Amino acid sequence: MVIHKGDPDRGSLLLKINLLGPGCQVLSQTRDIDGNLAWLAANKGELMDDYDAHEYVERAVKRDPDLWVVEFEDKNGVNPFGGEIL
């Protein structure tokens, strides 16, 4: 589900992955040193409860209103967009 629509030409992507029980992972789109798609994990890669993940997303959108935010559920925490988590 798209929970925030950003700029269609310049907005970067933030993912909120709900693992349906153990918590949520939040990932920010970036590029690695070679220019390949990669992700930065919020909270040092540790899972957050849904409330904390929501608050993180809200703060990110306030800093960057062009940001796109997509939330989805996956028990295994699989990122459908691929790319390495840095």
PDB file of N, CA and C in Angstrom:
ATOM      1  N   MET A   1       0.846  -1.154   0.000  1.00  0.00           N
ATOM      2  CA  MET A   1       0.000   0.000   0.000  1.00  0.00           C
ATOM      3  C   MET A   1       0.905   1.233   0.000  1.00  0.00           C
ATOM      4  N   VAL A   2       0.574   2.193  -0.832  1.00  0.00           N
ATOM      5  CA  VAL A   2       1.296   3.470  -0.835  1.00  0.00           C
ATOM      6  C   VAL A   2       0.708   4.315   0.280  1.00  0.00           C
ATOM      7  N   ILE A   3       1.529   4.659   1.277  1.00  0.00           N
ATOM      8  CA  ILE A   3       1.006   5.455   2.390  1.00  0.00           C
ATOM      9  C   ILE A   3       1.406   6.925   2.293  1.00  0.00           C
ATOM     10  N   HIS A   4       2.322   7.244   1.369  1.00  0.00           N
ATOM     11  CA  HIS A   4       2.619   8.646   1.089  1.00  0.00           C
ATOM     12  C   HIS A   4       3.129   8.748  -0.339  1.00  0.00           C
ATOM     13  N   LYS A   5       2.483   9.604  -1.124  1.00  0.00           N
ATOM     14  CA  LYS A   5       2.913   9.841  -2.499  1.00  0.00           C
ATOM     15  C   LYS A   5       3.866  11.020  -2.519  1.00  0.00           C
ATOM     16  N   GLY A   6       5.035  10.778  -3.061  1.00  0.00           N
ATOM     17  CA  GLY A   6       6.028  11.823  -3.178  1.00  0.00           C
ATOM     18  C   GLY A   6       6.073  12.384  -4.579  1.00  0.00           C
ATOM     19  N   ASP A   7       7.139  13.074  -4.879  1.00  0.00           N
ATOM     20  CA  ASP A   7       7.329  13.656  -6.195  1.00  0.00           C
ATOM     21  C   ASP A   7       7.533  12.537  -7.223  1.00  0.00           C
ATOM     22  N   PRO A   8       6.761  12.533  -8.309  1.00  0.00           N
ATOM     23  CA  PRO A   8       6.872  11.441  -9.288  1.00  0.00           C
ATOM     24  C   PRO A   8       8.197  11.393 -10.035  1.00  0.00           C
ATOM     25  N   ASP A   9       8.930  12.494 -10.054  1.00  0.00           N
ATOM     26  CA  ASP A   9      10.189  12.516 -10.795  1.00  0.00           C
ATOM     27  C   ASP A   9      11.432  12.453  -9.914  1.00  0.00           C
ATOM     28  N   ARG A  10      11.325  12.961  -8.682  1.00  0.00           N
ATOM     29  CA  ARG A  10      12.520  13.077  -7.853  1.00  0.00           C
ATOM     30  C   ARG A  10      12.416  12.373  -6.506  1.00  0.00           C
ATOM     31  N   GLY A  11      11.253  11.879  -6.145  1.00  0.00           N
ATOM     32  CA  GLY A  11      11.094  11.302  -4.813  1.00  0.00           C
ATOM     33  C   GLY A  11      11.807   9.978  -4.648  1.00  0.00           C
ATOM     34  N   SER A  12      12.474   9.804  -3.518  1.00  0.00           N
ATOM     35  CA  SER A  12      13.090   8.513  -3.218  1.00  0.00           C
ATOM     36  C   SER A  12      12.051   7.645  -2.508  1.00  0.00           C
ATOM     37  N   LEU A  13      12.424   6.430  -2.176  1.00  0.00           N
ATOM     38  CA  LEU A  13      11.487   5.440  -1.667  1.00  0.00           C
ATOM     39  C   LEU A  13      11.871   4.981  -0.269  1.00  0.00           C
ATOM     40  N   LEU A  14      10.875   4.902   0.599  1.00  0.00           N
ATOM     41  CA  LEU A  14      11.033   4.363   1.947  1.00  0.00           C
ATOM     42  C   LEU A  14      10.077   3.182   2.057  1.00  0.00           C
ATOM     43  N   LEU A  15      10.575   2.048   2.516  1.00  0.00           N
ATOM     44  CA  LEU A  15       9.749   0.853   2.676  1.00  0.00           C
ATOM     45  C   LEU A  15       9.507   0.567   4.144  1.00  0.00           C
ATOM     46  N   LYS A  16       8.267   0.243   4.472  1.00  0.00           N
ATOM     47  CA  LYS A  16       7.927  -0.237   5.804  1.00  0.00           C
ATOM     48  C   LYS A  16       7.421  -1.657   5.611  1.00  0.00           C
ATOM     49  N   ILE A  17       8.192  -2.622   6.094  1.00  0.00           N
ATOM     50  CA  ILE A  17       7.845  -4.031   5.938  1.00  0.00           C
ATOM     51  C   ILE A  17       7.341  -4.545   7.277  1.00  0.00           C
ATOM     52  N   ASN A  18       6.065  -4.902   7.329  1.00  0.00           N
ATOM     53  CA  ASN A  18       5.458  -5.444   8.542  1.00  0.00           C
ATOM     54  C   ASN A  18       5.608  -6.957   8.501  1.00  0.00           C
ATOM     55  N   LEU A  19       6.306  -7.522   9.487  1.00  0.00           N
ATOM     56  CA  LEU A  19       6.550  -8.958   9.531  1.00  0.00           C
ATOM     57  C   LEU A  19       5.417  -9.724  10.226  1.00  0.00           C
ATOM     58  N   LEU A  20       4.311  -9.058  10.500  1.00  0.00           N
ATOM     59  CA  LEU A  20       3.105  -9.684  11.042  1.00  0.00           C
ATOM     60  C   LEU A  20       3.355 -10.395  12.369  1.00  0.00           C
ATOM     61  N   GLY A  21       3.930  -9.700  13.287  1.00  0.00           N
ATOM     62  CA  GLY A  21       4.137 -10.280  14.613  1.00  0.00           C
ATOM     63  C   GLY A  21       5.384  -9.769  15.297  1.00  0.00           C
ATOM     64  N   PRO A  22       6.553 -10.116  14.756  1.00  0.00           N
ATOM     65  CA  PRO A  22       7.773  -9.708  15.450  1.00  0.00           C
ATOM     66  C   PRO A  22       8.097  -8.224  15.339  1.00  0.00           C
ATOM     67  N   GLY A  23       7.490  -7.512  14.410  1.00  0.00           N
ATOM     68  CA  GLY A  23       7.753  -6.082  14.271  1.00  0.00           C
ATOM     69  C   GLY A  23       7.838  -5.661  12.825  1.00  0.00           C
ATOM     70  N   CYS A  24       8.400  -4.483  12.613  1.00  0.00           N
ATOM     71  CA  CYS A  24       8.524  -3.891  11.279  1.00  0.00           C
ATOM     72  C   CYS A  24       9.977  -3.542  11.004  1.00  0.00           C
ATOM     73  N   GLN A  25      10.322  -3.586   9.734  1.00  0.00           N
ATOM     74  CA  GLN A  25      11.628  -3.119   9.290  1.00  0.00           C
ATOM     75  C   GLN A  25      11.383  -1.933   8.372  1.00  0.00           C
ATOM     76  N   VAL A  26      12.178  -0.896   8.505  1.00  0.00           N
ATOM     77  CA  VAL A  26      12.068   0.283   7.653  1.00  0.00           C
ATOM     78  C   VAL A  26      13.369   0.423   6.873  1.00  0.00           C
ATOM     79  N   LEU A  27      13.224   0.544   5.556  1.00  0.00           N
ATOM     80  CA  LEU A  27      14.381   0.632   4.667  1.00  0.00           C
ATOM     81  C   LEU A  27      14.289   1.880   3.809  1.00  0.00           C
ATOM     82  N   SER A  28      15.410   2.585   3.658  1.00  0.00           N
ATOM     83  CA  SER A  28      15.499   3.775   2.816  1.00  0.00           C
ATOM     84  C   SER A  28      16.283   3.443   1.562  1.00  0.00           C
ATOM     85  N   GLN A  29      15.750   3.844   0.422  1.00  0.00           N
ATOM     86  CA  GLN A  29      16.405   3.600  -0.852  1.00  0.00           C
ATOM     87  C   GLN A  29      17.688   4.410  -0.956  1.00  0.00           C
ATOM     88  N   THR A  30      18.715   3.765  -1.476  1.00  0.00           N
ATOM     89  CA  THR A  30      19.992   4.436  -1.717  1.00  0.00           C
ATOM     90  C   THR A  30      20.683   3.720  -2.872  1.00  0.00           C
ATOM     91  N   ARG A  31      21.906   4.029  -3.120  1.00  0.00           N
ATOM     92  CA  ARG A  31      22.736   3.359  -4.135  1.00  0.00           C
ATOM     93  C   ARG A  31      24.056   2.964  -3.496  1.00  0.00           C
ATOM     94  N   ASP A  32      24.605   1.834  -3.944  1.00  0.00           N
ATOM     95  CA  ASP A  32      25.910   1.440  -3.441  1.00  0.00           C
ATOM     96  C   ASP A  32      26.997   2.183  -4.218  1.00  0.00           C
ATOM     97  N   ILE A  33      28.235   1.881  -3.921  1.00  0.00           N
ATOM     98  CA  ILE A  33      29.354   2.597  -4.528  1.00  0.00           C
ATOM     99  C   ILE A  33      29.404   2.422  -6.050  1.00  0.00           C
ATOM    100  N   ASP A  34      28.807   1.332  -6.549  1.00  0.00           N
ATOM    101  CA  ASP A  34      28.782   1.082  -7.987  1.00  0.00           C
ATOM    102  C   ASP A  34      27.522   1.605  -8.655  1.00  0.00           C
ATOM    103  N   GLY A  35      26.646   2.250  -7.893  1.00  0.00           N
ATOM    104  CA  GLY A  35      25.413   2.802  -8.449  1.00  0.00           C
ATOM    105  C   GLY A  35      24.244   1.840  -8.469  1.00  0.00           C
ATOM    106  N   ASN A  36      24.422   0.664  -7.863  1.00  0.00           N
ATOM    107  CA  ASN A  36      23.344  -0.318  -7.818  1.00  0.00           C
ATOM    108  C   ASN A  36      22.360   0.009  -6.689  1.00  0.00           C
ATOM    109  N   LEU A  37      21.106  -0.387  -6.900  1.00  0.00           N
ATOM    110  CA  LEU A  37      20.087  -0.192  -5.884  1.00  0.00           C
ATOM    111  C   LEU A  37      20.499  -0.876  -4.580  1.00  0.00           C
ATOM    112  N   ALA A  38      20.359  -0.164  -3.481  1.00  0.00           N
ATOM    113  CA  ALA A  38      20.665  -0.703  -2.163  1.00  0.00           C
ATOM    114  C   ALA A  38      19.707  -0.050  -1.171  1.00  0.00           C
ATOM    115  N   TRP A  39      19.743  -0.511   0.077  1.00  0.00           N
ATOM    116  CA  TRP A  39      18.823  -0.032   1.109  1.00  0.00           C
ATOM    117  C   TRP A  39      19.570   0.204   2.407  1.00  0.00           C
ATOM    118  N   LEU A  40      19.201   1.260   3.099  1.00  0.00           N
ATOM    119  CA  LEU A  40      19.722   1.525   4.437  1.00  0.00           C
ATOM    120  C   LEU A  40      18.638   1.150   5.437  1.00  0.00           C
ATOM    121  N   ALA A  41      18.985   0.300   6.382  1.00  0.00           N
ATOM    122  CA  ALA A  41      18.025  -0.136   7.395  1.00  0.00           C
ATOM    123  C   ALA A  41      17.982   0.852   8.550  1.00  0.00           C
ATOM    124  N   ALA A  42      16.771   1.261   8.912  1.00  0.00           N
ATOM    125  CA  ALA A  42      16.584   2.144  10.067  1.00  0.00           C
ATOM    126  C   ALA A  42      16.804   1.351  11.350  1.00  0.00           C
ATOM    127  N   ASN A  43      17.031   2.053  12.441  1.00  0.00           N
ATOM    128  CA  ASN A  43      17.140   1.445  13.766  1.00  0.00           C
ATOM    129  C   ASN A  43      18.261   0.402  13.831  1.00  0.00           C
ATOM    130  N   LYS A  44      19.349   0.689  13.115  1.00  0.00           N
ATOM    131  CA  LYS A  44      20.513  -0.214  13.083  1.00  0.00           C
ATOM    132  C   LYS A  44      20.135  -1.627  12.644  1.00  0.00           C
ATOM    133  N   GLY A  45      19.092  -1.737  11.831  1.00  0.00           N
ATOM    134  CA  GLY A  45      18.653  -3.029  11.314  1.00  0.00           C
ATOM    135  C   GLY A  45      17.759  -3.808  12.249  1.00  0.00           C
ATOM    136  N   GLU A  46      17.536  -3.286  13.452  1.00  0.00           N
ATOM    137  CA  GLU A  46      16.671  -3.966  14.418  1.00  0.00           C
ATOM    138  C   GLU A  46      15.208  -3.702  14.079  1.00  0.00           C
ATOM    139  N   LEU A  47      14.355  -4.687  14.337  1.00  0.00           N
ATOM    140  CA  LEU A  47      12.924  -4.505  14.110  1.00  0.00           C
ATOM    141  C   LEU A  47      12.361  -3.483  15.085  1.00  0.00           C
ATOM    142  N   MET A  48      11.310  -2.796  14.640  1.00  0.00           N
ATOM    143  CA  MET A  48      10.610  -1.821  15.474  1.00  0.00           C
ATOM    144  C   MET A  48       9.160  -2.258  15.599  1.00  0.00           C
ATOM    145  N   ASP A  49       8.505  -1.854  16.685  1.00  0.00           N
ATOM    146  CA  ASP A  49       7.076  -2.124  16.736  1.00  0.00           C
ATOM    147  C   ASP A  49       6.393  -1.185  15.742  1.00  0.00           C
ATOM    148  N   ASP A  50       5.129  -1.473  15.433  1.00  0.00           N
ATOM    149  CA  ASP A  50       4.415  -0.733  14.401  1.00  0.00           C
ATOM    150  C   ASP A  50       4.344   0.765  14.722  1.00  0.00           C
ATOM    151  N   TYR A  51       4.132   1.110  15.981  1.00  0.00           N
ATOM    152  CA  TYR A  51       4.038   2.514  16.374  1.00  0.00           C
ATOM    153  C   TYR A  51       5.356   3.240  16.105  1.00  0.00           C
ATOM    154  N   ASP A  52       6.472   2.653  16.527  1.00  0.00           N
ATOM    155  CA  ASP A  52       7.777   3.286  16.318  1.00  0.00           C
ATOM    156  C   ASP A  52       8.104   3.407  14.828  1.00  0.00           C
ATOM    157  N   ALA A  53       7.747   2.381  14.053  1.00  0.00           N
ATOM    158  CA  ALA A  53       7.976   2.433  12.607  1.00  0.00           C
ATOM    159  C   ALA A  53       7.141   3.550  11.977  1.00  0.00           C
ATOM    160  N   HIS A  54       5.897   3.675  12.414  1.00  0.00           N
ATOM    161  CA  HIS A  54       5.023   4.740  11.914  1.00  0.00           C
ATOM    162  C   HIS A  54       5.605   6.111  12.242  1.00  0.00           C
ATOM    163  N   GLU A  55       6.078   6.290  13.455  1.00  0.00           N
ATOM    164  CA  GLU A  55       6.679   7.559  13.875  1.00  0.00           C
ATOM    165  C   GLU A  55       7.934   7.864  13.050  1.00  0.00           C
ATOM    166  N   TYR A  56       8.734   6.856  12.783  1.00  0.00           N
ATOM    167  CA  TYR A  56       9.931   7.030  11.963  1.00  0.00           C
ATOM    168  C   TYR A  56       9.541   7.533  10.577  1.00  0.00           C
ATOM    169  N   VAL A  57       8.522   6.901   9.986  1.00  0.00           N
ATOM    170  CA  VAL A  57       8.054   7.287   8.659  1.00  0.00           C
ATOM    171  C   VAL A  57       7.546   8.726   8.678  1.00  0.00           C
ATOM    172  N   GLU A  58       6.769   9.080   9.681  1.00  0.00           N
ATOM    173  CA  GLU A  58       6.231  10.443   9.777  1.00  0.00           C
ATOM    174  C   GLU A  58       7.357  11.483   9.842  1.00  0.00           C
ATOM    175  N   ARG A  59       8.389  11.209  10.622  1.00  0.00           N
ATOM    176  CA  ARG A  59       9.524  12.134  10.708  1.00  0.00           C
ATOM    177  C   ARG A  59      10.242  12.249   9.360  1.00  0.00           C
ATOM    178  N   ALA A  60      10.392  11.115   8.675  1.00  0.00           N
ATOM    179  CA  ALA A  60      11.071  11.121   7.377  1.00  0.00           C
ATOM    180  C   ALA A  60      10.298  11.949   6.355  1.00  0.00           C
ATOM    181  N   VAL A  61       8.975  11.828   6.356  1.00  0.00           N
ATOM    182  CA  VAL A  61       8.141  12.585   5.416  1.00  0.00           C
ATOM    183  C   VAL A  61       8.186  14.077   5.735  1.00  0.00           C
ATOM    184  N   LYS A  62       8.255  14.428   7.006  1.00  0.00           N
ATOM    185  CA  LYS A  62       8.364  15.849   7.372  1.00  0.00           C
ATOM    186  C   LYS A  62       9.679  16.441   6.865  1.00  0.00           C
ATOM    187  N   ARG A  63      10.760  15.647   6.908  1.00  0.00           N
ATOM    188  CA  ARG A  63      12.065  16.114   6.417  1.00  0.00           C
ATOM    189  C   ARG A  63      12.100  16.182   4.889  1.00  0.00           C
ATOM    190  N   ASP A  64      11.382  15.235   4.240  1.00  0.00           N
ATOM    191  CA  ASP A  64      11.424  15.141   2.780  1.00  0.00           C
ATOM    192  C   ASP A  64      10.028  14.849   2.243  1.00  0.00           C
ATOM    193  N   PRO A  65       9.238  15.889   1.954  1.00  0.00           N
ATOM    194  CA  PRO A  65       7.878  15.672   1.468  1.00  0.00           C
ATOM    195  C   PRO A  65       7.817  15.030   0.078  1.00  0.00           C
ATOM    196  N   ASP A  66       8.950  14.966  -0.647  1.00  0.00           N
ATOM    197  CA  ASP A  66       8.985  14.300  -1.949  1.00  0.00           C
ATOM    198  C   ASP A  66       9.113  12.782  -1.824  1.00  0.00           C
ATOM    199  N   LEU A  67       9.282  12.295  -0.628  1.00  0.00           N
ATOM    200  CA  LEU A  67       9.499  10.879  -0.337  1.00  0.00           C
ATOM    201  C   LEU A  67       8.246  10.050  -0.629  1.00  0.00           C
ATOM    202  N   TRP A  68       8.443   8.922  -1.276  1.00  0.00           N
ATOM    203  CA  TRP A  68       7.377   7.926  -1.451  1.00  0.00           C
ATOM    204  C   TRP A  68       7.530   6.908  -0.330  1.00  0.00           C
ATOM    205  N   VAL A  69       6.409   6.520   0.286  1.00  0.00           N
ATOM    206  CA  VAL A  69       6.439   5.518   1.351  1.00  0.00           C
ATOM    207  C   VAL A  69       5.495   4.380   0.963  1.00  0.00           C
ATOM    208  N   VAL A  70       6.042   3.173   0.940  1.00  0.00           N
ATOM    209  CA  VAL A  70       5.272   1.979   0.620  1.00  0.00           C
ATOM    210  C   VAL A  70       5.331   1.038   1.816  1.00  0.00           C
ATOM    211  N   GLU A  71       4.168   0.571   2.240  1.00  0.00           N
ATOM    212  CA  GLU A  71       4.084  -0.384   3.350  1.00  0.00           C
ATOM    213  C   GLU A  71       3.496  -1.680   2.823  1.00  0.00           C
ATOM    214  N   PHE A  72       4.091  -2.784   3.242  1.00  0.00           N
ATOM    215  CA  PHE A  72       3.534  -4.082   2.884  1.00  0.00           C
ATOM    216  C   PHE A  72       3.832  -5.087   3.975  1.00  0.00           C
ATOM    217  N   GLU A  73       3.161  -6.218   3.882  1.00  0.00           N
ATOM    218  CA  GLU A  73       3.290  -7.273   4.889  1.00  0.00           C
ATOM    219  C   GLU A  73       3.966  -8.484   4.274  1.00  0.00           C
ATOM    220  N   ASP A  74       4.937  -9.016   4.976  1.00  0.00           N
ATOM    221  CA  ASP A  74       5.609 -10.244   4.563  1.00  0.00           C
ATOM    222  C   ASP A  74       6.203 -10.891   5.808  1.00  0.00           C
ATOM    223  N   LYS A  75       5.735 -12.077   6.144  1.00  0.00           N
ATOM    224  CA  LYS A  75       6.204 -12.764   7.357  1.00  0.00           C
ATOM    225  C   LYS A  75       7.708 -12.983   7.370  1.00  0.00           C
ATOM    226  N   ASN A  76       8.306 -13.086   6.168  1.00  0.00           N
ATOM    227  CA  ASN A  76       9.749 -13.320   6.080  1.00  0.00           C
ATOM    228  C   ASN A  76      10.545 -12.039   5.907  1.00  0.00           C
ATOM    229  N   GLY A  77       9.860 -10.904   5.791  1.00  0.00           N
ATOM    230  CA  GLY A  77      10.548  -9.629   5.641  1.00  0.00           C
ATOM    231  C   GLY A  77      11.259  -9.461   4.314  1.00  0.00           C
ATOM    232  N   VAL A  78      10.753 -10.125   3.276  1.00  0.00           N
ATOM    233  CA  VAL A  78      11.389 -10.061   1.976  1.00  0.00           C
ATOM    234  C   VAL A  78      11.078  -8.718   1.286  1.00  0.00           C
ATOM    235  N   ASN A  79      12.113  -8.083   0.785  1.00  0.00           N
ATOM    236  CA  ASN A  79      11.977  -6.833   0.052  1.00  0.00           C
ATOM    237  C   ASN A  79      11.737  -7.171  -1.422  1.00  0.00           C
ATOM    238  N   PRO A  80      10.549  -6.895  -1.979  1.00  0.00           N
ATOM    239  CA  PRO A  80      10.262  -7.269  -3.370  1.00  0.00           C
ATOM    240  C   PRO A  80      11.030  -6.447  -4.396  1.00  0.00           C
ATOM    241  N   PHE A  81      11.660  -5.363  -3.972  1.00  0.00           N
ATOM    242  CA  PHE A  81      12.386  -4.504  -4.911  1.00  0.00           C
ATOM    243  C   PHE A  81      13.832  -4.946  -5.087  1.00  0.00           C
ATOM    244  N   GLY A  82      14.279  -5.902  -4.276  1.00  0.00           N
ATOM    245  CA  GLY A  82      15.651  -6.392  -4.400  1.00  0.00           C
ATOM    246  C   GLY A  82      16.664  -5.365  -3.906  1.00  0.00           C
ATOM    247  N   GLY A  83      17.905  -5.675  -4.102  1.00  0.00           N
ATOM    248  CA  GLY A  83      18.978  -4.795  -3.669  1.00  0.00           C
ATOM    249  C   GLY A  83      19.515  -5.211  -2.314  1.00  0.00           C
ATOM    250  N   GLU A  84      20.770  -4.909  -2.114  1.00  0.00           N
ATOM    251  CA  GLU A  84      21.468  -5.249  -0.869  1.00  0.00           C
ATOM    252  C   GLU A  84      21.074  -4.286   0.256  1.00  0.00           C
ATOM    253  N   ILE A  85      20.986  -4.813   1.467  1.00  0.00           N
ATOM    254  CA  ILE A  85      20.769  -3.975   2.644  1.00  0.00           C
ATOM    255  C   ILE A  85      22.132  -3.634   3.213  1.00  0.00           C
ATOM    256  N   LEU A  86      22.428  -2.350   3.270  1.00  0.00           N
ATOM    257  CA  LEU A  86      23.736  -1.887   3.748  1.00  0.00           C
ATOM    258  C   LEU A  86      23.719  -1.664   5.244  1.00  0.00           C
TER     259      LEU A  86
END
